[in-house]
Amino acid sequence: MEKLAHSDSPRVGCMRRLSRRAIILLSILLALLIVGLAIGLGVGLGLTNDSEDGGDEENEQPSPTESGSPTPPPPSNGTLWQPAVNSSWQIVLLNPLSLSTSAQSVSPDVDIYDIDLFTNDQSTIEKLHQLGKKVICYFSAGSYESFRPDSSEFQSSDLGKELDGWPGERWLDLGSSNVRRIMAARIALAASKGCDAIDPDNVDGYVRSNENGLGLSEGDSIDFLQFLSAEARNHTLAIGLKNAGSIIPDVLDIMSFSVNEQCVQYSECETFAPFVEKGKPVFHIEYPNDESLNNVAKSAVNDICSDSGSASGSSDFSTVIKDMDLSGWVEYCDGAVADTATSE
C-alpha cells in the first residue's frame, strides 16, 4: 500500500482548518474588545466633562475638613442668660418677698434678685421681671432640709451627717440617683416658675470630708455640678457655683457666675477672680461680726470693699453686706442701705 505523504495527513489538515477558525474568532473578539474600550472611554470622558462643567453643585457636601468642627446646638428653649460682671444684686432667703402685683418698684433697685425657690410664688417672679429684674432661684442641692415640701422623697441612704450649726440639715449623697432625680425636679420647678438661673447651695461637702459621713470628694462635687449644669441648660437656666473654690478650674466653663460667701473674711477672694477674668460675675456676700447690722462700722465696710489686704482679688465683684440669716436688709460698698419688704 502506498504511504500517504506527511503533508497530506488528515491530522495536519484538521489542524490547518482549526488554525484558520481560531484566527477568525480571535480577530472578531479583538474587534469587539476595541469597540468596547472606545465606547467606555467615551462615556467616561462624558461624565468627567459633565462634572467639570457644573453638575449638581448645590448637592455637593463639604468635607469635614472644609466645614470645620460642628457648632454645638443652642439651648433648646431659648437663649441662656449670662449675667454681666459688676451687676448689682440683692439676696433674700429668710422669708419670701412681699411684692404685690400692683407694685411700681422694688427696693433696692438692682439688676438681679436671688430668692428662695420654694417660698416665693410665680407671681413674685413675674412681677420682678415686669420691673426689669432678673431672678436667681436658690435651693440647697447638696443638703437635706426637713422643712422642704419634697423632703419626704429622700431615702435614709441618701443622708449623711448634720451640717455643723444647722440642726436638721444633713449632707446628701451626690451620686445617689434618687437625689439627682429630686434635684432635676427642683430645676424643672425653677423653670416652670420663670427663674432665669439657679443658685444650688452646699455643693462643697468635700471640704468637710471627715464630717459629712459620706466620704464626699472633690470629684463627687465636680460630677454632680456637671449633672446640675446639664439639667439647667435643658431648661435654659443659667447656673452658678456656690463657694467651692478649689474646684473652680474644673467647672468654670459650665458655670455662668459665682456666689461666694466670706472670701474677704477668709482672705481667698483671688481664688474666685477667674470668674471675672472670664467675663462672669462674682456675687459676693460678707457677714460682718457686728451686733447691729443697721450700723456696720465704716472701717469694716472699707475693709470689705477695698480690694486690698484680705479683700485682695475682689476687684469688680458684686459685693453685698448682709446678716447671716439673709433677711431683706443689705448694705453696698457705695454706702447705700436698703431693706427689702418680706412676708414675715
C-alpha atoms as a PDB file:
ATOM      1  CA  MET A   1       0.000   0.000   0.000  1.00  0.00           C
ATOM      2  CA  GLU A   2       1.269   3.448  -0.942  1.00  0.00           C
ATOM      3  CA  LYS A   3       2.081   5.603   2.063  1.00  0.00           C
ATOM      4  CA  LEU A   4       0.495   8.985   2.375  1.00  0.00           C
ATOM      5  CA  ALA A   5       2.755  11.970   2.154  1.00  0.00           C
ATOM      6  CA  HIS A   6       3.374  13.709   5.516  1.00  0.00           C
ATOM      7  CA  SER A   7       1.762  16.874   4.281  1.00  0.00           C
ATOM      8  CA  ASP A   8      -1.401  15.065   3.304  1.00  0.00           C
ATOM      9  CA  SER A   9      -2.006  13.628   6.797  1.00  0.00           C
ATOM     10  CA  PRO A  10      -5.658  14.055   7.918  1.00  0.00           C
ATOM     11  CA  ARG A  11      -4.413  15.281  11.311  1.00  0.00           C
ATOM     12  CA  VAL A  12      -2.392  18.028   9.670  1.00  0.00           C
ATOM     13  CA  GLY A  13      -5.350  19.102   7.538  1.00  0.00           C
ATOM     14  CA  CYS A  14      -7.575  19.313  10.594  1.00  0.00           C
ATOM     15  CA  MET A  15      -5.055  21.438  12.445  1.00  0.00           C
ATOM     16  CA  ARG A  16      -4.841  23.784   9.485  1.00  0.00           C
ATOM     17  CA  ARG A  17      -8.626  24.132   9.432  1.00  0.00           C
ATOM     18  CA  LEU A  18      -8.705  24.779  13.211  1.00  0.00           C
ATOM     19  CA  SER A  19      -5.979  27.407  12.949  1.00  0.00           C
ATOM     20  CA  ARG A  20      -7.944  29.327  10.360  1.00  0.00           C
ATOM     21  CA  ARG A  21     -11.085  29.245  12.520  1.00  0.00           C
ATOM     22  CA  ALA A  22      -9.135  30.337  15.607  1.00  0.00           C
ATOM     23  CA  ILE A  23      -7.637  33.256  13.736  1.00  0.00           C
ATOM     24  CA  ILE A  24     -11.062  34.370  12.563  1.00  0.00           C
ATOM     25  CA  LEU A  25     -12.548  34.090  16.069  1.00  0.00           C
ATOM     26  CA  LEU A  26      -9.637  35.942  17.636  1.00  0.00           C
ATOM     27  CA  SER A  27      -9.996  38.708  15.086  1.00  0.00           C
ATOM     28  CA  ILE A  28     -13.692  39.070  15.888  1.00  0.00           C
ATOM     29  CA  LEU A  29     -13.031  39.115  19.647  1.00  0.00           C
ATOM     30  CA  LEU A  30     -10.270  41.687  19.235  1.00  0.00           C
ATOM     31  CA  ALA A  31     -12.538  43.915  17.188  1.00  0.00           C
ATOM     32  CA  LEU A  32     -15.280  43.685  19.790  1.00  0.00           C
ATOM     33  CA  LEU A  33     -12.782  44.495  22.539  1.00  0.00           C
ATOM     34  CA  ILE A  34     -11.566  47.589  20.703  1.00  0.00           C
ATOM     35  CA  VAL A  35     -15.141  48.786  20.142  1.00  0.00           C
ATOM     36  CA  GLY A  36     -15.978  48.209  23.839  1.00  0.00           C
ATOM     37  CA  LEU A  37     -12.958  50.147  25.010  1.00  0.00           C
ATOM     38  CA  ALA A  38     -13.804  53.008  22.713  1.00  0.00           C
ATOM     39  CA  ILE A  39     -17.380  53.202  23.989  1.00  0.00           C
ATOM     40  CA  GLY A  40     -16.262  53.003  27.639  1.00  0.00           C
ATOM     41  CA  LEU A  41     -13.684  55.716  27.168  1.00  0.00           C
ATOM     42  CA  GLY A  42     -16.212  57.970  25.524  1.00  0.00           C
ATOM     43  CA  VAL A  43     -18.759  57.537  28.316  1.00  0.00           C
ATOM     44  CA  GLY A  44     -16.104  58.161  30.976  1.00  0.00           C
ATOM     45  CA  LEU A  45     -14.954  61.337  29.318  1.00  0.00           C
ATOM     46  CA  GLY A  46     -18.538  62.495  29.022  1.00  0.00           C
ATOM     47  CA  LEU A  47     -19.186  62.017  32.732  1.00  0.00           C
ATOM     48  CA  THR A  48     -15.990  63.816  33.612  1.00  0.00           C
ATOM     49  CA  ASN A  49     -16.904  66.739  31.420  1.00  0.00           C
ATOM     50  CA  ASP A  50     -20.386  66.934  32.974  1.00  0.00           C
ATOM     51  CA  SER A  51     -18.839  67.174  36.421  1.00  0.00           C
ATOM     52  CA  GLU A  52     -16.302  69.767  35.389  1.00  0.00           C
ATOM     53  CA  ASP A  53     -18.889  71.783  33.519  1.00  0.00           C
ATOM     54  CA  GLY A  54     -21.057  72.356  36.618  1.00  0.00           C
ATOM     55  CA  GLY A  55     -23.199  69.374  37.502  1.00  0.00           C
ATOM     56  CA  ASP A  56     -25.326  69.418  40.689  1.00  0.00           C
ATOM     57  CA  GLU A  57     -23.189  71.843  42.674  1.00  0.00           C
ATOM     58  CA  GLU A  58     -25.927  72.509  45.200  1.00  0.00           C
ATOM     59  CA  ASN A  59     -25.975  68.812  46.096  1.00  0.00           C
ATOM     60  CA  GLU A  60     -22.266  68.708  46.819  1.00  0.00           C
ATOM     61  CA  GLN A  61     -21.433  68.449  50.550  1.00  0.00           C
ATOM     62  CA  PRO A  62     -18.266  69.919  52.076  1.00  0.00           C
ATOM     63  CA  SER A  63     -15.881  67.526  53.708  1.00  0.00           C
ATOM     64  CA  PRO A  64     -15.469  67.593  57.481  1.00  0.00           C
ATOM     65  CA  THR A  65     -12.177  69.406  56.961  1.00  0.00           C
ATOM     66  CA  GLU A  66     -13.829  72.062  54.817  1.00  0.00           C
ATOM     67  CA  SER A  67     -16.738  72.642  57.160  1.00  0.00           C
ATOM     68  CA  GLY A  68     -14.699  72.636  60.394  1.00  0.00           C
ATOM     69  CA  SER A  69     -15.867  71.417  63.791  1.00  0.00           C
ATOM     70  CA  PRO A  70     -19.626  71.187  64.294  1.00  0.00           C
ATOM     71  CA  THR A  71     -21.218  74.044  66.206  1.00  0.00           C
ATOM     72  CA  PRO A  72     -22.831  72.948  69.479  1.00  0.00           C
ATOM     73  CA  PRO A  73     -26.617  73.270  69.367  1.00  0.00           C
ATOM     74  CA  PRO A  74     -28.134  76.252  71.169  1.00  0.00           C
ATOM     75  CA  PRO A  75     -30.280  75.718  74.260  1.00  0.00           C
ATOM     76  CA  SER A  76     -33.495  74.021  73.215  1.00  0.00           C
ATOM     77  CA  ASN A  77     -35.897  76.506  74.801  1.00  0.00           C
ATOM     78  CA  GLY A  78     -34.255  79.842  74.052  1.00  0.00           C
ATOM     79  CA  THR A  79     -31.219  81.897  74.937  1.00  0.00           C
ATOM     80  CA  LEU A  80     -29.239  81.151  78.074  1.00  0.00           C
ATOM     81  CA  TRP A  81     -28.863  84.241  80.261  1.00  0.00           C
ATOM     82  CA  GLN A  82     -25.313  85.340  81.051  1.00  0.00           C
ATOM     83  CA  PRO A  83     -25.234  87.978  83.808  1.00  0.00           C
ATOM     84  CA  ALA A  84     -22.665  90.725  83.386  1.00  0.00           C
ATOM     85  CA  VAL A  85     -19.692  91.452  85.605  1.00  0.00           C
ATOM     86  CA  ASN A  86     -20.480  94.246  88.101  1.00  0.00           C
ATOM     87  CA  SER A  87     -24.215  93.538  88.013  1.00  0.00           C
ATOM     88  CA  SER A  88     -25.983  94.889  91.089  1.00  0.00           C
ATOM     89  CA  TRP A  89     -27.945  92.420  93.176  1.00  0.00           C
ATOM     90  CA  GLN A  90     -29.820  91.568  96.343  1.00  0.00           C
ATOM     91  CA  ILE A  91     -30.197  88.193  98.069  1.00  0.00           C
ATOM     92  CA  VAL A  92     -33.140  87.471 100.394  1.00  0.00           C
ATOM     93  CA  LEU A  93     -33.659  83.929 101.690  1.00  0.00           C
ATOM     94  CA  LEU A  94     -35.058  84.191 105.224  1.00  0.00           C
ATOM     95  CA  ASN A  95     -38.597  84.988 104.083  1.00  0.00           C
ATOM     96  CA  PRO A  96     -40.390  85.347 100.732  1.00  0.00           C
ATOM     97  CA  LEU A  97     -40.584  88.783  99.173  1.00  0.00           C
ATOM     98  CA  SER A  98     -43.670  90.867  99.806  1.00  0.00           C
ATOM     99  CA  LEU A  99     -44.337  92.262  96.355  1.00  0.00           C
ATOM    100  CA  SER A 100     -47.856  92.996  95.185  1.00  0.00           C
ATOM    101  CA  THR A 101     -48.903  92.649  91.580  1.00  0.00           C
ATOM    102  CA  SER A 102     -49.596  96.400  91.510  1.00  0.00           C
ATOM    103  CA  ALA A 103     -46.134  97.384  92.784  1.00  0.00           C
ATOM    104  CA  GLN A 104     -44.416 100.051  90.692  1.00  0.00           C
ATOM    105  CA  SER A 105     -40.956  99.455  92.160  1.00  0.00           C
ATOM    106  CA  VAL A 106     -38.936  97.245  94.471  1.00  0.00           C
ATOM    107  CA  SER A 107     -36.192  98.197  96.907  1.00  0.00           C
ATOM    108  CA  PRO A 108     -33.338  98.107  96.295  1.00  0.00           C
ATOM    109  CA  ASP A 109     -33.490  98.954  92.598  1.00  0.00           C
ATOM    110  CA  VAL A 110     -30.854  96.463  91.474  1.00  0.00           C
ATOM    111  CA  ASP A 111     -30.364  94.272  88.416  1.00  0.00           C
ATOM    112  CA  ILE A 112     -30.800  90.853  89.999  1.00  0.00           C
ATOM    113  CA  TYR A 113     -32.669  89.240  92.883  1.00  0.00           C
ATOM    114  CA  ASP A 114     -31.535  85.924  94.392  1.00  0.00           C
ATOM    115  CA  ILE A 115     -34.556  84.459  96.205  1.00  0.00           C
ATOM    116  CA  ASP A 116     -35.761  81.136  97.604  1.00  0.00           C
ATOM    117  CA  LEU A 117     -37.197  78.759  95.003  1.00  0.00           C
ATOM    118  CA  PHE A 118     -39.855  77.229  97.229  1.00  0.00           C
ATOM    119  CA  THR A 119     -41.215  80.109  99.302  1.00  0.00           C
ATOM    120  CA  ASN A 120     -41.631  82.649  96.503  1.00  0.00           C
ATOM    121  CA  ASP A 121     -44.514  82.056  94.132  1.00  0.00           C
ATOM    122  CA  GLN A 122     -44.556  82.511  90.387  1.00  0.00           C
ATOM    123  CA  SER A 123     -46.376  85.850  90.586  1.00  0.00           C
ATOM    124  CA  THR A 124     -43.458  87.342  92.549  1.00  0.00           C
ATOM    125  CA  ILE A 125     -41.008  86.250  89.876  1.00  0.00           C
ATOM    126  CA  GLU A 126     -43.270  87.585  87.137  1.00  0.00           C
ATOM    127  CA  LYS A 127     -43.526  90.924  88.940  1.00  0.00           C
ATOM    128  CA  LEU A 128     -39.751  91.168  89.296  1.00  0.00           C
ATOM    129  CA  HIS A 129     -39.486  90.566  85.569  1.00  0.00           C
ATOM    130  CA  GLN A 130     -42.046  93.304  84.904  1.00  0.00           C
ATOM    131  CA  LEU A 131     -39.873  95.639  86.967  1.00  0.00           C
ATOM    132  CA  GLY A 132     -36.877  94.798  84.794  1.00  0.00           C
ATOM    133  CA  LYS A 133     -35.145  92.407  87.202  1.00  0.00           C
ATOM    134  CA  LYS A 134     -33.555  89.036  86.577  1.00  0.00           C
ATOM    135  CA  VAL A 135     -34.245  86.280  89.096  1.00  0.00           C
ATOM    136  CA  ILE A 136     -31.880  83.670  90.505  1.00  0.00           C
ATOM    137  CA  CYS A 137     -33.692  80.917  92.405  1.00  0.00           C
ATOM    138  CA  TYR A 138     -31.949  79.419  95.416  1.00  0.00           C
ATOM    139  CA  PHE A 139     -32.225  75.853  96.693  1.00  0.00           C
ATOM    140  CA  SER A 140     -29.898  73.535  98.555  1.00  0.00           C
ATOM    141  CA  ALA A 141     -28.647  70.894  96.136  1.00  0.00           C
ATOM    142  CA  GLY A 142     -26.183  69.211  98.469  1.00  0.00           C
ATOM    143  CA  SER A 143     -28.117  69.053 101.711  1.00  0.00           C
ATOM    144  CA  TYR A 144     -31.402  67.708 103.052  1.00  0.00           C
ATOM    145  CA  GLU A 145     -33.739  70.214 104.720  1.00  0.00           C
ATOM    146  CA  SER A 146     -36.629  68.672 106.624  1.00  0.00           C
ATOM    147  CA  PHE A 147     -38.960  71.622 106.024  1.00  0.00           C
ATOM    148  CA  ARG A 148     -38.904  71.484 102.223  1.00  0.00           C
ATOM    149  CA  PRO A 149     -42.081  70.221 100.509  1.00  0.00           C
ATOM    150  CA  ASP A 150     -40.225  67.374  98.773  1.00  0.00           C
ATOM    151  CA  SER A 151     -38.256  66.242 101.850  1.00  0.00           C
ATOM    152  CA  SER A 152     -40.271  63.008 102.161  1.00  0.00           C
ATOM    153  CA  GLU A 153     -38.860  61.831  98.835  1.00  0.00           C
ATOM    154  CA  PHE A 154     -35.338  61.403 100.212  1.00  0.00           C
ATOM    155  CA  GLN A 155     -34.291  57.954 101.393  1.00  0.00           C
ATOM    156  CA  SER A 156     -32.298  57.270 104.545  1.00  0.00           C
ATOM    157  CA  SER A 157     -29.408  56.016 102.398  1.00  0.00           C
ATOM    158  CA  ASP A 158     -29.230  59.460 100.742  1.00  0.00           C
ATOM    159  CA  LEU A 159     -28.381  61.214 104.007  1.00  0.00           C
ATOM    160  CA  GLY A 160     -25.090  61.857 105.755  1.00  0.00           C
ATOM    161  CA  LYS A 161     -24.299  63.742 108.944  1.00  0.00           C
ATOM    162  CA  GLU A 162     -25.801  67.053 110.026  1.00  0.00           C
ATOM    163  CA  LEU A 163     -24.268  70.303 108.824  1.00  0.00           C
ATOM    164  CA  ASP A 164     -22.404  71.979 111.640  1.00  0.00           C
ATOM    165  CA  GLY A 165     -24.525  74.808 113.022  1.00  0.00           C
ATOM    166  CA  TRP A 166     -27.630  73.905 111.039  1.00  0.00           C
ATOM    167  CA  PRO A 167     -29.777  71.481 113.070  1.00  0.00           C
ATOM    168  CA  GLY A 168     -31.957  69.178 110.967  1.00  0.00           C
ATOM    169  CA  GLU A 169     -29.929  69.805 107.790  1.00  0.00           C
ATOM    170  CA  ARG A 170     -27.879  66.848 106.558  1.00  0.00           C
ATOM    171  CA  TRP A 171     -25.379  66.269 103.785  1.00  0.00           C
ATOM    172  CA  LEU A 172     -26.583  64.385 100.714  1.00  0.00           C
ATOM    173  CA  ASP A 173     -25.004  61.586  98.713  1.00  0.00           C
ATOM    174  CA  LEU A 174     -24.278  63.474  95.489  1.00  0.00           C
ATOM    175  CA  GLY A 175     -24.023  60.270  93.466  1.00  0.00           C
ATOM    176  CA  SER A 176     -27.427  58.941  94.508  1.00  0.00           C
ATOM    177  CA  SER A 177     -29.813  58.507  91.586  1.00  0.00           C
ATOM    178  CA  ASN A 178     -32.681  59.398  93.906  1.00  0.00           C
ATOM    179  CA  VAL A 179     -31.001  62.640  94.995  1.00  0.00           C
ATOM    180  CA  ARG A 180     -30.389  63.541  91.361  1.00  0.00           C
ATOM    181  CA  ARG A 181     -33.991  62.807  90.450  1.00  0.00           C
ATOM    182  CA  ILE A 182     -35.174  65.177  93.183  1.00  0.00           C
ATOM    183  CA  MET A 183     -32.740  67.895  92.087  1.00  0.00           C
ATOM    184  CA  ALA A 184     -33.827  67.517  88.460  1.00  0.00           C
ATOM    185  CA  ALA A 185     -37.403  68.091  89.621  1.00  0.00           C
ATOM    186  CA  ARG A 186     -36.319  71.208  91.529  1.00  0.00           C
ATOM    187  CA  ILE A 187     -34.634  72.574  88.429  1.00  0.00           C
ATOM    188  CA  ALA A 188     -37.791  71.880  86.417  1.00  0.00           C
ATOM    189  CA  LEU A 189     -39.771  73.735  89.099  1.00  0.00           C
ATOM    190  CA  ALA A 190     -37.439  76.723  88.765  1.00  0.00           C
ATOM    191  CA  ALA A 191     -38.025  76.757  85.025  1.00  0.00           C
ATOM    192  CA  SER A 192     -41.801  76.480  85.432  1.00  0.00           C
ATOM    193  CA  LYS A 193     -41.819  79.463  87.801  1.00  0.00           C
ATOM    194  CA  GLY A 194     -39.859  81.568  85.323  1.00  0.00           C
ATOM    195  CA  CYS A 195     -36.495  81.772  87.099  1.00  0.00           C
ATOM    196  CA  ASP A 196     -33.587  82.955  84.962  1.00  0.00           C
ATOM    197  CA  ALA A 197     -30.942  80.999  86.870  1.00  0.00           C
ATOM    198  CA  ILE A 198     -30.413  78.675  89.806  1.00  0.00           C
ATOM    199  CA  ASP A 199     -28.187  79.030  92.874  1.00  0.00           C
ATOM    200  CA  PRO A 200     -27.616  75.455  94.121  1.00  0.00           C
ATOM    201  CA  ASP A 201     -26.104  75.568  97.617  1.00  0.00           C
ATOM    202  CA  ASN A 202     -23.964  73.162  99.651  1.00  0.00           C
ATOM    203  CA  VAL A 203     -22.150  71.538  96.739  1.00  0.00           C
ATOM    204  CA  ASP A 204     -18.844  71.631  98.641  1.00  0.00           C
ATOM    205  CA  GLY A 205     -19.358  68.880 101.204  1.00  0.00           C
ATOM    206  CA  TYR A 206     -15.884  67.570 100.358  1.00  0.00           C
ATOM    207  CA  VAL A 207     -14.398  70.445 102.388  1.00  0.00           C
ATOM    208  CA  ARG A 208     -15.685  68.660 105.471  1.00  0.00           C
ATOM    209  CA  SER A 209     -14.771  65.147 104.330  1.00  0.00           C
ATOM    210  CA  ASN A 210     -14.355  63.959 107.903  1.00  0.00           C
ATOM    211  CA  GLU A 211     -17.727  65.357 108.965  1.00  0.00           C
ATOM    212  CA  ASN A 212     -20.208  64.688 106.158  1.00  0.00           C
ATOM    213  CA  GLY A 213     -20.489  60.966 106.888  1.00  0.00           C
ATOM    214  CA  LEU A 214     -20.483  60.082 103.193  1.00  0.00           C
ATOM    215  CA  GLY A 215     -16.825  60.364 102.222  1.00  0.00           C
ATOM    216  CA  LEU A 216     -17.626  63.071  99.667  1.00  0.00           C
ATOM    217  CA  SER A 217     -14.727  64.110  97.425  1.00  0.00           C
ATOM    218  CA  GLU A 218     -13.975  66.948  95.017  1.00  0.00           C
ATOM    219  CA  GLY A 219     -14.629  64.514  92.193  1.00  0.00           C
ATOM    220  CA  ASP A 220     -18.109  63.859  93.554  1.00  0.00           C
ATOM    221  CA  SER A 221     -18.873  67.590  93.525  1.00  0.00           C
ATOM    222  CA  ILE A 222     -17.478  68.072  90.022  1.00  0.00           C
ATOM    223  CA  ASP A 223     -19.574  65.217  88.652  1.00  0.00           C
ATOM    224  CA  PHE A 224     -22.663  66.481  90.484  1.00  0.00           C
ATOM    225  CA  LEU A 225     -22.211  70.006  89.129  1.00  0.00           C
ATOM    226  CA  GLN A 226     -21.861  68.642  85.610  1.00  0.00           C
ATOM    227  CA  PHE A 227     -25.189  66.896  86.118  1.00  0.00           C
ATOM    228  CA  LEU A 228     -26.846  70.040  87.532  1.00  0.00           C
ATOM    229  CA  SER A 229     -25.442  72.180  84.729  1.00  0.00           C
ATOM    230  CA  ALA A 230     -26.777  69.837  82.048  1.00  0.00           C
ATOM    231  CA  GLU A 231     -30.211  69.780  83.677  1.00  0.00           C
ATOM    232  CA  ALA A 232     -30.235  73.566  83.976  1.00  0.00           C
ATOM    233  CA  ARG A 233     -29.214  74.011  80.350  1.00  0.00           C
ATOM    234  CA  ASN A 234     -32.004  71.676  79.239  1.00  0.00           C
ATOM    235  CA  HIS A 235     -34.397  74.177  80.811  1.00  0.00           C
ATOM    236  CA  THR A 236     -32.498  77.250  79.538  1.00  0.00           C
ATOM    237  CA  LEU A 237     -31.443  78.207  83.049  1.00  0.00           C
ATOM    238  CA  ALA A 238     -28.081  79.692  83.958  1.00  0.00           C
ATOM    239  CA  ILE A 239     -26.326  78.118  86.934  1.00  0.00           C
ATOM    240  CA  GLY A 240     -23.877  79.480  89.489  1.00  0.00           C
ATOM    241  CA  LEU A 241     -21.191  77.903  91.645  1.00  0.00           C
ATOM    242  CA  LYS A 242     -21.733  78.405  95.366  1.00  0.00           C
ATOM    243  CA  ASN A 243     -18.342  78.731  97.113  1.00  0.00           C
ATOM    244  CA  ALA A 244     -16.336  75.503  96.320  1.00  0.00           C
ATOM    245  CA  GLY A 245     -13.239  77.497  95.384  1.00  0.00           C
ATOM    246  CA  SER A 246     -10.897  74.534  94.967  1.00  0.00           C
ATOM    247  CA  ILE A 247     -12.834  73.078  92.023  1.00  0.00           C
ATOM    248  CA  ILE A 248     -13.249  76.323  90.072  1.00  0.00           C
ATOM    249  CA  PRO A 249     -10.724  75.270  87.378  1.00  0.00           C
ATOM    250  CA  ASP A 250     -12.764  72.114  86.772  1.00  0.00           C
ATOM    251  CA  VAL A 251     -16.209  73.714  86.464  1.00  0.00           C
ATOM    252  CA  LEU A 252     -15.634  77.337  85.433  1.00  0.00           C
ATOM    253  CA  ASP A 253     -16.627  76.700  81.827  1.00  0.00           C
ATOM    254  CA  ILE A 254     -20.027  75.257  82.757  1.00  0.00           C
ATOM    255  CA  MET A 255     -20.912  77.916  85.342  1.00  0.00           C
ATOM    256  CA  SER A 256     -22.389  81.333  84.473  1.00  0.00           C
ATOM    257  CA  PHE A 257     -21.477  83.064  87.741  1.00  0.00           C
ATOM    258  CA  SER A 258     -20.152  82.566  91.255  1.00  0.00           C
ATOM    259  CA  VAL A 259     -21.970  83.133  94.529  1.00  0.00           C
ATOM    260  CA  ASN A 260     -19.308  83.492  97.200  1.00  0.00           C
ATOM    261  CA  GLU A 261     -19.618  83.894 100.930  1.00  0.00           C
ATOM    262  CA  GLN A 262     -16.917  85.481 103.063  1.00  0.00           C
ATOM    263  CA  CYS A 263     -13.909  85.460 100.750  1.00  0.00           C
ATOM    264  CA  VAL A 264     -12.703  88.637 102.495  1.00  0.00           C
ATOM    265  CA  GLN A 265     -13.099  87.068 105.922  1.00  0.00           C
ATOM    266  CA  TYR A 266     -11.004  84.083 104.819  1.00  0.00           C
ATOM    267  CA  SER A 267      -8.614  86.047 102.537  1.00  0.00           C
ATOM    268  CA  GLU A 268      -9.443  83.933  99.493  1.00  0.00           C
ATOM    269  CA  CYS A 269     -11.038  86.357  97.007  1.00  0.00           C
ATOM    270  CA  GLU A 270      -8.251  85.762  94.494  1.00  0.00           C
ATOM    271  CA  THR A 271      -9.485  82.174  94.231  1.00  0.00           C
ATOM    272  CA  PHE A 272     -12.750  83.442  92.725  1.00  0.00           C
ATOM    273  CA  ALA A 273     -11.231  86.117  90.465  1.00  0.00           C
ATOM    274  CA  PRO A 274     -11.043  83.732  87.447  1.00  0.00           C
ATOM    275  CA  PHE A 275     -14.804  84.164  87.055  1.00  0.00           C
ATOM    276  CA  VAL A 276     -14.388  87.895  86.444  1.00  0.00           C
ATOM    277  CA  GLU A 277     -11.476  87.211  84.109  1.00  0.00           C
ATOM    278  CA  LYS A 278     -13.846  85.016  82.081  1.00  0.00           C
ATOM    279  CA  GLY A 279     -16.480  87.762  81.947  1.00  0.00           C
ATOM    280  CA  LYS A 280     -18.660  86.107  84.595  1.00  0.00           C
ATOM    281  CA  PRO A 281     -19.738  87.926  87.765  1.00  0.00           C
ATOM    282  CA  VAL A 282     -18.905  87.040  91.345  1.00  0.00           C
ATOM    283  CA  PHE A 283     -21.890  87.742  93.596  1.00  0.00           C
ATOM    284  CA  HIS A 284     -20.051  88.281  96.858  1.00  0.00           C
ATOM    285  CA  ILE A 285     -21.520  88.280 100.374  1.00  0.00           C
ATOM    286  CA  GLU A 286     -19.839  89.277 103.635  1.00  0.00           C
ATOM    287  CA  TYR A 287     -21.321  88.893 107.112  1.00  0.00           C
ATOM    288  CA  PRO A 288     -19.637  91.406 109.455  1.00  0.00           C
ATOM    289  CA  ASN A 289     -19.432  90.413 113.097  1.00  0.00           C
ATOM    290  CA  ASP A 290     -21.355  93.466 114.274  1.00  0.00           C
ATOM    291  CA  GLU A 291     -24.225  93.230 116.724  1.00  0.00           C
ATOM    292  CA  SER A 292     -26.307  95.779 114.817  1.00  0.00           C
ATOM    293  CA  LEU A 293     -26.369  95.440 111.060  1.00  0.00           C
ATOM    294  CA  ASN A 294     -28.183  98.738 110.817  1.00  0.00           C
ATOM    295  CA  ASN A 295     -24.912 100.408 111.732  1.00  0.00           C
ATOM    296  CA  VAL A 296     -21.979  98.440 110.305  1.00  0.00           C
ATOM    297  CA  ALA A 297     -18.703 100.057 111.272  1.00  0.00           C
ATOM    298  CA  LYS A 298     -17.277 102.173 108.465  1.00  0.00           C
ATOM    299  CA  SER A 299     -13.903 100.520 108.970  1.00  0.00           C
ATOM    300  CA  ALA A 300     -15.494  97.100 108.361  1.00  0.00           C
ATOM    301  CA  VAL A 301     -17.130  98.320 105.158  1.00  0.00           C
ATOM    302  CA  ASN A 302     -13.832  99.806 103.981  1.00  0.00           C
ATOM    303  CA  ASP A 303     -12.029  96.521 104.607  1.00  0.00           C
ATOM    304  CA  ILE A 304     -14.645  94.551 102.697  1.00  0.00           C
ATOM    305  CA  CYS A 305     -14.739  96.942  99.739  1.00  0.00           C
ATOM    306  CA  SER A 306     -11.070  97.913  99.473  1.00  0.00           C
ATOM    307  CA  ASP A 307      -9.694  95.293  97.036  1.00  0.00           C
ATOM    308  CA  SER A 308      -6.559  95.170  99.180  1.00  0.00           C
ATOM    309  CA  GLY A 309      -5.385  93.280 102.216  1.00  0.00           C
ATOM    310  CA  SER A 310      -7.814  90.465 102.972  1.00  0.00           C
ATOM    311  CA  ALA A 311     -10.028  91.711 100.107  1.00  0.00           C
ATOM    312  CA  SER A 312      -7.249  91.453  97.532  1.00  0.00           C
ATOM    313  CA  GLY A 313      -8.536  89.988  94.275  1.00  0.00           C
ATOM    314  CA  SER A 314     -12.119  91.195  94.745  1.00  0.00           C
ATOM    315  CA  SER A 315     -11.965  93.900  92.082  1.00  0.00           C
ATOM    316  CA  ASP A 316     -15.223  94.052  90.104  1.00  0.00           C
ATOM    317  CA  PHE A 317     -17.013  91.691  92.487  1.00  0.00           C
ATOM    318  CA  SER A 318     -20.696  92.462  93.103  1.00  0.00           C
ATOM    319  CA  THR A 319     -20.421  92.841  96.871  1.00  0.00           C
ATOM    320  CA  VAL A 320     -23.233  92.978  99.414  1.00  0.00           C
ATOM    321  CA  ILE A 321     -23.044  93.171 103.202  1.00  0.00           C
ATOM    322  CA  LYS A 322     -25.715  91.018 104.842  1.00  0.00           C
ATOM    323  CA  ASP A 323     -26.808  89.419 108.093  1.00  0.00           C
ATOM    324  CA  MET A 324     -26.235  85.669 108.372  1.00  0.00           C
ATOM    325  CA  ASP A 325     -29.962  84.920 108.079  1.00  0.00           C
ATOM    326  CA  LEU A 326     -30.090  86.704 104.718  1.00  0.00           C
ATOM    327  CA  SER A 327     -33.076  88.851 105.594  1.00  0.00           C
ATOM    328  CA  GLY A 328     -34.186  91.824 103.492  1.00  0.00           C
ATOM    329  CA  TRP A 329     -31.501  94.125 104.924  1.00  0.00           C
ATOM    330  CA  VAL A 330     -28.485  94.933 102.725  1.00  0.00           C
ATOM    331  CA  GLU A 331     -25.646  97.435 102.530  1.00  0.00           C
ATOM    332  CA  TYR A 332     -23.485  98.212  99.499  1.00  0.00           C
ATOM    333  CA  CYS A 333     -19.936  99.442  99.057  1.00  0.00           C
ATOM    334  CA  ASP A 334     -21.182 102.867  97.953  1.00  0.00           C
ATOM    335  CA  GLY A 335     -22.864 103.290 101.341  1.00  0.00           C
ATOM    336  CA  ALA A 336     -26.406 102.651 100.113  1.00  0.00           C
ATOM    337  CA  VAL A 337     -28.616 100.698 102.518  1.00  0.00           C
ATOM    338  CA  ALA A 338     -31.968  99.040 101.808  1.00  0.00           C
ATOM    339  CA  ASP A 339     -34.425  96.708 103.484  1.00  0.00           C
ATOM    340  CA  THR A 340     -36.480  94.676 101.027  1.00  0.00           C
ATOM    341  CA  ALA A 341     -40.037  94.056 102.188  1.00  0.00           C
ATOM    342  CA  THR A 342     -40.706  90.424 103.043  1.00  0.00           C
ATOM    343  CA  SER A 343     -43.585  88.351 104.350  1.00  0.00           C
ATOM    344  CA  GLU A 344     -42.682  87.638 107.972  1.00  0.00           C
END
